[in-house]
C-alpha atoms as a PDB file:
ATOM      1  CA  UNK A   1      16.395  15.625   6.186  1.00  0.00           C
ATOM      2  CA  UNK A   2      13.266  13.552   5.462  1.00  0.00           C
ATOM      3  CA  UNK A   3      12.550  15.464   2.261  1.00  0.00           C
ATOM      4  CA  UNK A   4      16.153  14.921   1.208  1.00  0.00           C
ATOM      5  CA  UNK A   5      15.758  11.161   1.668  1.00  0.00           C
ATOM      6  CA  UNK A   6      12.577  11.149  -0.384  1.00  0.00           C
ATOM      7  CA  UNK A   7      14.149  13.182  -3.188  1.00  0.00           C
ATOM      8  CA  UNK A   8      17.181  10.912  -3.299  1.00  0.00           C
ATOM      9  CA  UNK A   9      15.008   7.801  -3.549  1.00  0.00           C
ATOM     10  CA  UNK A  10      12.479   9.303  -5.972  1.00  0.00           C
ATOM     11  CA  UNK A  11      13.940  12.260  -7.866  1.00  0.00           C
ATOM     12  CA  UNK A  12      11.003  12.288 -10.300  1.00  0.00           C
ATOM     13  CA  UNK A  13       8.847  13.654  -7.493  1.00  0.00           C
ATOM     14  CA  UNK A  14      10.092  17.083  -8.470  1.00  0.00           C
ATOM     15  CA  UNK A  15       7.896  16.903 -11.551  1.00  0.00           C
ATOM     16  CA  UNK A  16       4.753  16.106  -9.525  1.00  0.00           C
ATOM     17  CA  UNK A  17       2.382  18.934  -8.732  1.00  0.00           C
ATOM     18  CA  UNK A  18       1.679  18.980  -5.008  1.00  0.00           C
ATOM     19  CA  UNK A  19      -1.925  20.219  -5.177  1.00  0.00           C
ATOM     20  CA  UNK A  20      -2.927  18.160  -8.219  1.00  0.00           C
ATOM     21  CA  UNK A  21      -1.055  14.901  -7.559  1.00  0.00           C
ATOM     22  CA  UNK A  22       0.659  14.453  -4.223  1.00  0.00           C
ATOM     23  CA  UNK A  23      -1.839  15.951  -1.786  1.00  0.00           C
ATOM     24  CA  UNK A  24      -4.922  14.175  -3.213  1.00  0.00           C
ATOM     25  CA  UNK A  25      -3.128  10.815  -3.160  1.00  0.00           C
ATOM     26  CA  UNK A  26      -1.867  11.189   0.391  1.00  0.00           C
ATOM     27  CA  UNK A  27      -5.196  12.526   1.653  1.00  0.00           C
ATOM     28  CA  UNK A  28      -7.035   9.628   0.031  1.00  0.00           C
ATOM     29  CA  UNK A  29      -4.673   7.038   1.501  1.00  0.00           C
ATOM     30  CA  UNK A  30      -4.907   8.642   4.936  1.00  0.00           C
ATOM     31  CA  UNK A  31      -8.698   8.735   4.853  1.00  0.00           C
ATOM     32  CA  UNK A  32      -9.206   5.305   3.287  1.00  0.00           C
ATOM     33  CA  UNK A  33      -7.034   3.523   5.851  1.00  0.00           C
ATOM     34  CA  UNK A  34      -7.672   5.898   8.750  1.00  0.00           C
ATOM     35  CA  UNK A  35      -3.976   6.663   9.155  1.00  0.00           C
ATOM     36  CA  UNK A  36      -2.502   9.208  11.508  1.00  0.00           C
ATOM     37  CA  UNK A  37      -0.225  11.890  10.108  1.00  0.00           C
ATOM     38  CA  UNK A  38       2.743  10.111  11.680  1.00  0.00           C
ATOM     39  CA  UNK A  39       1.795   6.767  10.109  1.00  0.00           C
ATOM     40  CA  UNK A  40       1.406   8.414   6.714  1.00  0.00           C
ATOM     41  CA  UNK A  41       4.777  10.162   7.086  1.00  0.00           C
ATOM     42  CA  UNK A  42       6.450   6.838   7.881  1.00  0.00           C
ATOM     43  CA  UNK A  43       4.816   5.229   4.856  1.00  0.00           C
ATOM     44  CA  UNK A  44       6.056   7.980   2.552  1.00  0.00           C
ATOM     45  CA  UNK A  45       9.559   7.635   3.974  1.00  0.00           C
ATOM     46  CA  UNK A  46       9.498   3.858   3.454  1.00  0.00           C
ATOM     47  CA  UNK A  47       7.805   3.986   0.059  1.00  0.00           C
ATOM     48  CA  UNK A  48       8.262   7.387  -1.596  1.00  0.00           C
ATOM     49  CA  UNK A  49       6.865   5.968  -4.839  1.00  0.00           C
ATOM     50  CA  UNK A  50       3.405   6.050  -3.264  1.00  0.00           C
ATOM     51  CA  UNK A  51       3.423   9.757  -3.982  1.00  0.00           C
ATOM     52  CA  UNK A  52       3.545   9.085  -7.713  1.00  0.00           C
ATOM     53  CA  UNK A  53       0.680   6.576  -7.700  1.00  0.00           C
ATOM     54  CA  UNK A  54      -2.900   7.507  -8.440  1.00  0.00           C
ATOM     55  CA  UNK A  55      -5.191   6.550  -5.581  1.00  0.00           C
ATOM     56  CA  UNK A  56      -8.253   5.661  -7.677  1.00  0.00           C
ATOM     57  CA  UNK A  57      -6.380   3.853 -10.464  1.00  0.00           C
ATOM     58  CA  UNK A  58      -3.567   2.138  -8.555  1.00  0.00           C
ATOM     59  CA  UNK A  59      -3.800   2.144  -4.782  1.00  0.00           C
ATOM     60  CA  UNK A  60      -7.502   1.652  -4.078  1.00  0.00           C
ATOM     61  CA  UNK A  61      -8.063  -1.213  -6.556  1.00  0.00           C
ATOM     62  CA  UNK A  62      -5.136  -3.129  -5.077  1.00  0.00           C
ATOM     63  CA  UNK A  63      -6.225  -2.534  -1.488  1.00  0.00           C
ATOM     64  CA  UNK A  64      -9.816  -3.456  -2.348  1.00  0.00           C
ATOM     65  CA  UNK A  65      -8.717  -6.666  -4.056  1.00  0.00           C
ATOM     66  CA  UNK A  66      -6.535  -7.720  -1.095  1.00  0.00           C
ATOM     67  CA  UNK A  67      -9.322  -6.758   1.313  1.00  0.00           C
ATOM     68  CA  UNK A  68     -11.857  -8.881  -0.537  1.00  0.00           C
ATOM     69  CA  UNK A  69      -9.615 -11.825  -1.449  1.00  0.00           C
ATOM     70  CA  UNK A  70      -8.434 -12.342   2.121  1.00  0.00           C
ATOM     71  CA  UNK A  71     -11.768 -11.358   3.656  1.00  0.00           C
ATOM     72  CA  UNK A  72     -10.021  -8.821   5.885  1.00  0.00           C
ATOM     73  CA  UNK A  73     -11.527  -6.396   8.311  1.00  0.00           C
ATOM     74  CA  UNK A  74     -10.690  -2.750   7.715  1.00  0.00           C
ATOM     75  CA  UNK A  75      -8.278  -2.865  10.632  1.00  0.00           C
ATOM     76  CA  UNK A  76      -6.535  -5.978   9.283  1.00  0.00           C
ATOM     77  CA  UNK A  77      -6.085  -4.294   5.904  1.00  0.00           C
ATOM     78  CA  UNK A  78      -4.694  -1.209   7.627  1.00  0.00           C
ATOM     79  CA  UNK A  79      -2.197  -3.301   9.596  1.00  0.00           C
ATOM     80  CA  UNK A  80      -1.040  -5.158   6.480  1.00  0.00           C
ATOM     81  CA  UNK A  81      -0.541  -1.871   4.653  1.00  0.00           C
ATOM     82  CA  UNK A  82       1.456  -0.435   7.548  1.00  0.00           C
ATOM     83  CA  UNK A  83       3.725  -3.505   7.518  1.00  0.00           C
ATOM     84  CA  UNK A  84       3.885  -3.912   3.727  1.00  0.00           C
ATOM     85  CA  UNK A  85       3.188  -0.563   2.057  1.00  0.00           C
ATOM     86  CA  UNK A  86       4.809  -1.773  -1.152  1.00  0.00           C
ATOM     87  CA  UNK A  87       1.717  -3.898  -1.721  1.00  0.00           C
ATOM     88  CA  UNK A  88       0.047  -0.909  -3.377  1.00  0.00           C
ATOM     89  CA  UNK A  89       2.711  -0.810  -6.056  1.00  0.00           C
ATOM     90  CA  UNK A  90       1.933  -4.349  -7.178  1.00  0.00           C
ATOM     91  CA  UNK A  91      -0.749  -5.664  -9.493  1.00  0.00           C
ATOM     92  CA  UNK A  92      -3.128  -7.899  -7.585  1.00  0.00           C
ATOM     93  CA  UNK A  93      -3.864 -10.424 -10.353  1.00  0.00           C
ATOM     94  CA  UNK A  94      -0.314 -10.615 -11.699  1.00  0.00           C
ATOM     95  CA  UNK A  95       1.708 -10.462  -8.485  1.00  0.00           C
ATOM     96  CA  UNK A  96      -0.157 -10.544  -5.200  1.00  0.00           C
ATOM     97  CA  UNK A  97      -2.759 -13.254  -5.806  1.00  0.00           C
ATOM     98  CA  UNK A  98      -0.316 -15.782  -7.323  1.00  0.00           C
ATOM     99  CA  UNK A  99       2.102 -15.190  -4.449  1.00  0.00           C
ATOM    100  CA  UNK A 100      -0.594 -15.604  -1.817  1.00  0.00           C
ATOM    101  CA  UNK A 101      -1.877 -18.739  -3.537  1.00  0.00           C
ATOM    102  CA  UNK A 102       1.616 -20.223  -3.763  1.00  0.00           C
ATOM    103  CA  UNK A 103       2.338 -19.548  -0.080  1.00  0.00           C
ATOM    104  CA  UNK A 104      -1.038 -20.959   0.933  1.00  0.00           C
ATOM    105  CA  UNK A 105      -0.572 -24.086  -1.169  1.00  0.00           C
ATOM    106  CA  UNK A 106       3.065 -24.702  -0.289  1.00  0.00           C
ATOM    107  CA  UNK A 107       2.512 -24.291   3.444  1.00  0.00           C
ATOM    108  CA  UNK A 108      -0.977 -25.844   3.327  1.00  0.00           C
ATOM    109  CA  UNK A 109      -2.490 -22.872   5.143  1.00  0.00           C
ATOM    110  CA  UNK A 110      -6.116 -22.148   5.761  1.00  0.00           C
ATOM    111  CA  UNK A 111      -7.432 -18.696   4.801  1.00  0.00           C
ATOM    112  CA  UNK A 112      -7.305 -17.700   8.458  1.00  0.00           C
ATOM    113  CA  UNK A 113      -3.698 -18.863   8.830  1.00  0.00           C
ATOM    114  CA  UNK A 114      -2.709 -16.945   5.706  1.00  0.00           C
ATOM    115  CA  UNK A 115      -4.274 -13.755   7.084  1.00  0.00           C
ATOM    116  CA  UNK A 116      -2.368 -14.222  10.343  1.00  0.00           C
ATOM    117  CA  UNK A 117       1.047 -14.481   8.714  1.00  0.00           C
ATOM    118  CA  UNK A 118       0.503 -11.315   6.744  1.00  0.00           C
END
């Protein structure tokens, strides 16, 4: 049933090679964020497109940029990713940073307050 849901949301996954594309990406995400198998499964169900992303070219640069920009601990980054996995499908400079800056400015938040609301 879970595979059916993934295929319905991301039919192009059929063209991905498991050993060359899917497994390396999922293993890298799991290891980088210290996720359990269950957490990773939930992420894939919520965001099947993560399977089609390249860890080194797409996912890691975005996570690293968010990590650095917000001065997050590894655990804080992990928690944000678990709540907002779609963050890895966004470009940091074009989407994430301007959004964070706008929220911070509009609500007059400190860096610490911004980290807390994420």
